Structure formats: structure tokens, C-alpha cells
Amino acid sequence: MFSKSIIILIAMITISVIRADEEMSDMSAEQTPHIMKGEESNEQMK
């Protein structure tokens, strides 16, 4: 049980870091909507 709570804590921290990182990249590309940017990166991956 104790290790499971640690995993959840790490996951929450990771998600918050990723969201903060996305907000920073959105500020550098304000003209591109967030959803559009995600679709464009998915097309480049294919």
C-alpha cells in the first residue's frame, strides 16, 4: 500500500510538470491553438 501511494505521488508530480512545460511552450507559440499543435505533432510522427 505504501509503495502504491508513492507511485501515485510521483505520477501527479510528473503530470503537473508536463502541464507546466506545455503552458511554457504555448506561450512561445501563442498563435497556434493547443489542440491544433497536438494534431500537427501527431501528423509529423506518422
PDB file of N, CA and C in Angstrom:
ATOM      1  N   MET A   1       0.842  -1.209   0.000  1.00  0.00           N
ATOM      2  CA  MET A   1       0.000   0.000   0.000  1.00  0.00           C
ATOM      3  C   MET A   1       0.874   1.253   0.000  1.00  0.00           C
ATOM      4  N   PHE A   2       1.947   1.203   0.801  1.00  0.00           N
ATOM      5  CA  PHE A   2       2.797   2.398   0.930  1.00  0.00           C
ATOM      6  C   PHE A   2       3.461   2.723  -0.407  1.00  0.00           C
ATOM      7  N   SER A   3       3.970   1.699  -1.091  1.00  0.00           N
ATOM      8  CA  SER A   3       4.653   1.932  -2.366  1.00  0.00           C
ATOM      9  C   SER A   3       3.659   2.429  -3.424  1.00  0.00           C
ATOM     10  N   LYS A   4       2.414   1.978  -3.358  1.00  0.00           N
ATOM     11  CA  LYS A   4       1.401   2.418  -4.326  1.00  0.00           C
ATOM     12  C   LYS A   4       1.136   3.915  -4.178  1.00  0.00           C
ATOM     13  N   SER A   5       1.103   4.402  -2.941  1.00  0.00           N
ATOM     14  CA  SER A   5       0.862   5.828  -2.721  1.00  0.00           C
ATOM     15  C   SER A   5       2.034   6.653  -3.247  1.00  0.00           C
ATOM     16  N   ILE A   6       3.256   6.122  -3.153  1.00  0.00           N
ATOM     17  CA  ILE A   6       4.423   6.824  -3.691  1.00  0.00           C
ATOM     18  C   ILE A   6       4.314   6.917  -5.206  1.00  0.00           C
ATOM     19  N   ILE A   7       3.904   5.829  -5.850  1.00  0.00           N
ATOM     20  CA  ILE A   7       3.760   5.825  -7.314  1.00  0.00           C
ATOM     21  C   ILE A   7       2.732   6.870  -7.742  1.00  0.00           C
ATOM     22  N   ILE A   8       1.614   6.953  -7.023  1.00  0.00           N
ATOM     23  CA  ILE A   8       0.576   7.946  -7.342  1.00  0.00           C
ATOM     24  C   ILE A   8       1.138   9.351  -7.170  1.00  0.00           C
ATOM     25  N   LEU A   9       1.912   9.570  -6.105  1.00  0.00           N
ATOM     26  CA  LEU A   9       2.504  10.890  -5.845  1.00  0.00           C
ATOM     27  C   LEU A   9       3.453  11.275  -6.977  1.00  0.00           C
ATOM     28  N   ILE A  10       4.306  10.346  -7.399  1.00  0.00           N
ATOM     29  CA  ILE A  10       5.244  10.622  -8.497  1.00  0.00           C
ATOM     30  C   ILE A  10       4.480  10.919  -9.779  1.00  0.00           C
ATOM     31  N   ALA A  11       3.411  10.164 -10.054  1.00  0.00           N
ATOM     32  CA  ALA A  11       2.611  10.382 -11.263  1.00  0.00           C
ATOM     33  C   ALA A  11       1.989  11.775 -11.249  1.00  0.00           C
ATOM     34  N   MET A  12       1.468  12.204 -10.102  1.00  0.00           N
ATOM     35  CA  MET A  12       0.852  13.528 -10.005  1.00  0.00           C
ATOM     36  C   MET A  12       1.886  14.627 -10.228  1.00  0.00           C
ATOM     37  N   ILE A  13       3.084  14.453  -9.660  1.00  0.00           N
ATOM     38  CA  ILE A  13       4.155  15.444  -9.856  1.00  0.00           C
ATOM     39  C   ILE A  13       4.551  15.486 -11.328  1.00  0.00           C
ATOM     40  N   THR A  14       4.692  14.313 -11.945  1.00  0.00           N
ATOM     41  CA  THR A  14       5.078  14.256 -13.357  1.00  0.00           C
ATOM     42  C   THR A  14       4.048  14.958 -14.223  1.00  0.00           C
ATOM     43  N   ILE A  15       2.750  14.704 -13.963  1.00  0.00           N
ATOM     44  CA  ILE A  15       1.682  15.335 -14.756  1.00  0.00           C
ATOM     45  C   ILE A  15       1.726  16.850 -14.588  1.00  0.00           C
ATOM     46  N   SER A  16       1.918  17.323 -13.360  1.00  0.00           N
ATOM     47  CA  SER A  16       1.961  18.769 -13.126  1.00  0.00           C
ATOM     48  C   SER A  16       3.160  19.397 -13.829  1.00  0.00           C
ATOM     49  N   VAL A  17       4.289  18.703 -13.860  1.00  0.00           N
ATOM     50  CA  VAL A  17       5.482  19.212 -14.557  1.00  0.00           C
ATOM     51  C   VAL A  17       5.215  19.273 -16.057  1.00  0.00           C
ATOM     52  N   ILE A  18       4.594  18.233 -16.611  1.00  0.00           N
ATOM     53  CA  ILE A  18       4.298  18.200 -18.049  1.00  0.00           C
ATOM     54  C   ILE A  18       3.341  19.333 -18.412  1.00  0.00           C
ATOM     55  N   ARG A  19       2.310  19.557 -17.585  1.00  0.00           N
ATOM     56  CA  ARG A  19       1.350  20.633 -17.861  1.00  0.00           C
ATOM     57  C   ARG A  19       2.037  21.993 -17.821  1.00  0.00           C
ATOM     58  N   ALA A  20       2.914  22.210 -16.844  1.00  0.00           N
ATOM     59  CA  ALA A  20       3.652  23.474 -16.755  1.00  0.00           C
ATOM     60  C   ALA A  20       4.539  23.640 -17.989  1.00  0.00           C
ATOM     61  N   ASP A  21       5.144  22.549 -18.450  1.00  0.00           N
ATOM     62  CA  ASP A  21       6.013  22.591 -19.625  1.00  0.00           C
ATOM     63  C   ASP A  21       5.197  22.938 -20.868  1.00  0.00           C
ATOM     64  N   GLU A  22       3.984  22.355 -21.003  1.00  0.00           N
ATOM     65  CA  GLU A  22       3.127  22.655 -22.150  1.00  0.00           C
ATOM     66  C   GLU A  22       2.695  24.119 -22.138  1.00  0.00           C
ATOM     67  N   GLU A  23       2.384  24.656 -20.956  1.00  0.00           N
ATOM     68  CA  GLU A  23       1.988  26.065 -20.854  1.00  0.00           C
ATOM     69  C   GLU A  23       3.131  26.968 -21.301  1.00  0.00           C
ATOM     70  N   MET A  24       4.355  26.627 -20.956  1.00  0.00           N
ATOM     71  CA  MET A  24       5.525  27.411 -21.366  1.00  0.00           C
ATOM     72  C   MET A  24       5.667  27.387 -22.890  1.00  0.00           C
ATOM     73  N   SER A  25       5.512  26.210 -23.506  1.00  0.00           N
ATOM     74  CA  SER A  25       5.645  26.104 -24.962  1.00  0.00           C
ATOM     75  C   SER A  25       4.472  26.805 -25.661  1.00  0.00           C
ATOM     76  N   ASP A  26       3.276  26.816 -25.021  1.00  0.00           N
ATOM     77  CA  ASP A  26       2.140  27.548 -25.588  1.00  0.00           C
ATOM     78  C   ASP A  26       2.421  29.047 -25.621  1.00  0.00           C
ATOM     79  N   MET A  27       3.073  29.554 -24.585  1.00  0.00           N
ATOM     80  CA  MET A  27       3.389  30.977 -24.537  1.00  0.00           C
ATOM     81  C   MET A  27       4.362  31.349 -25.655  1.00  0.00           C
ATOM     82  N   SER A  28       5.274  30.448 -26.007  1.00  0.00           N
ATOM     83  CA  SER A  28       6.236  30.726 -27.069  1.00  0.00           C
ATOM     84  C   SER A  28       5.591  30.599 -28.453  1.00  0.00           C
ATOM     85  N   ALA A  29       4.437  29.932 -28.542  1.00  0.00           N
ATOM     86  CA  ALA A  29       3.712  29.782 -29.818  1.00  0.00           C
ATOM     87  C   ALA A  29       2.248  30.137 -29.580  1.00  0.00           C
ATOM     88  N   GLU A  30       1.986  31.392 -29.201  1.00  0.00           N
ATOM     89  CA  GLU A  30       0.625  31.792 -28.840  1.00  0.00           C
ATOM     90  C   GLU A  30      -0.330  31.713 -30.030  1.00  0.00           C
ATOM     91  N   GLN A  31       0.152  31.956 -31.241  1.00  0.00           N
ATOM     92  CA  GLN A  31      -0.739  32.000 -32.395  1.00  0.00           C
ATOM     93  C   GLN A  31      -1.319  30.614 -32.718  1.00  0.00           C
ATOM     94  N   THR A  32      -0.657  29.543 -32.259  1.00  0.00           N
ATOM     95  CA  THR A  32      -1.131  28.186 -32.545  1.00  0.00           C
ATOM     96  C   THR A  32      -1.982  27.671 -31.387  1.00  0.00           C
ATOM     97  N   PRO A  33      -3.267  27.329 -31.613  1.00  0.00           N
ATOM     98  CA  PRO A  33      -4.098  26.766 -30.537  1.00  0.00           C
ATOM     99  C   PRO A  33      -3.503  25.460 -30.026  1.00  0.00           C
ATOM    100  N   HIS A  34      -3.756  25.167 -28.747  1.00  0.00           N
ATOM    101  CA  HIS A  34      -3.151  23.994 -28.109  1.00  0.00           C
ATOM    102  C   HIS A  34      -3.573  22.696 -28.817  1.00  0.00           C
ATOM    103  N   ILE A  35      -4.856  22.562 -29.154  1.00  0.00           N
ATOM    104  CA  ILE A  35      -5.358  21.333 -29.776  1.00  0.00           C
ATOM    105  C   ILE A  35      -4.743  21.161 -31.170  1.00  0.00           C
ATOM    106  N   MET A  36      -4.678  22.245 -31.932  1.00  0.00           N
ATOM    107  CA  MET A  36      -4.092  22.182 -33.272  1.00  0.00           C
ATOM    108  C   MET A  36      -2.637  21.741 -33.195  1.00  0.00           C
ATOM    109  N   LYS A  37      -1.895  22.285 -32.241  1.00  0.00           N
ATOM    110  CA  LYS A  37      -0.483  21.952 -32.102  1.00  0.00           C
ATOM    111  C   LYS A  37      -0.306  20.455 -31.857  1.00  0.00           C
ATOM    112  N   GLY A  38      -1.194  19.867 -31.041  1.00  0.00           N
ATOM    113  CA  GLY A  38      -1.117  18.440 -30.774  1.00  0.00           C
ATOM    114  C   GLY A  38      -1.370  17.611 -32.021  1.00  0.00           C
ATOM    115  N   GLU A  39      -2.352  18.030 -32.839  1.00  0.00           N
ATOM    116  CA  GLU A  39      -2.666  17.302 -34.068  1.00  0.00           C
ATOM    117  C   GLU A  39      -1.505  17.400 -35.056  1.00  0.00           C
ATOM    118  N   GLU A  40      -0.880  18.583 -35.162  1.00  0.00           N
ATOM    119  CA  GLU A  40       0.236  18.745 -36.089  1.00  0.00           C
ATOM    120  C   GLU A  40       1.399  17.839 -35.694  1.00  0.00           C
ATOM    121  N   SER A  41       1.719  17.760 -34.394  1.00  0.00           N
ATOM    122  CA  SER A  41       2.836  16.924 -33.957  1.00  0.00           C
ATOM    123  C   SER A  41       2.518  15.449 -34.216  1.00  0.00           C
ATOM    124  N   ASN A  42       1.243  15.038 -34.091  1.00  0.00           N
ATOM    125  CA  ASN A  42       0.869  13.655 -34.374  1.00  0.00           C
ATOM    126  C   ASN A  42       1.055  13.331 -35.852  1.00  0.00           C
ATOM    127  N   GLU A  43       0.724  14.277 -36.742  1.00  0.00           N
ATOM    128  CA  GLU A  43       0.894  14.040 -38.175  1.00  0.00           C
ATOM    129  C   GLU A  43       2.372  13.929 -38.533  1.00  0.00           C
ATOM    130  N   GLN A  44       3.219  14.732 -37.896  1.00  0.00           N
ATOM    131  CA  GLN A  44       4.656  14.667 -38.171  1.00  0.00           C
ATOM    132  C   GLN A  44       5.228  13.322 -37.731  1.00  0.00           C
ATOM    133  N   MET A  45       4.683  12.716 -36.685  1.00  0.00           N
ATOM    134  CA  MET A  45       5.172  11.437 -36.181  1.00  0.00           C
ATOM    135  C   MET A  45       4.895  10.307 -37.186  1.00  0.00           C
ATOM    136  N   LYS A  46       3.791  10.385 -37.923  1.00  0.00           N
ATOM    137  CA  LYS A  46       3.402   9.304 -38.838  1.00  0.00           C
ATOM    138  C   LYS A  46       4.358   9.214 -40.032  1.00  0.00           C
TER     139      LYS A  46
END
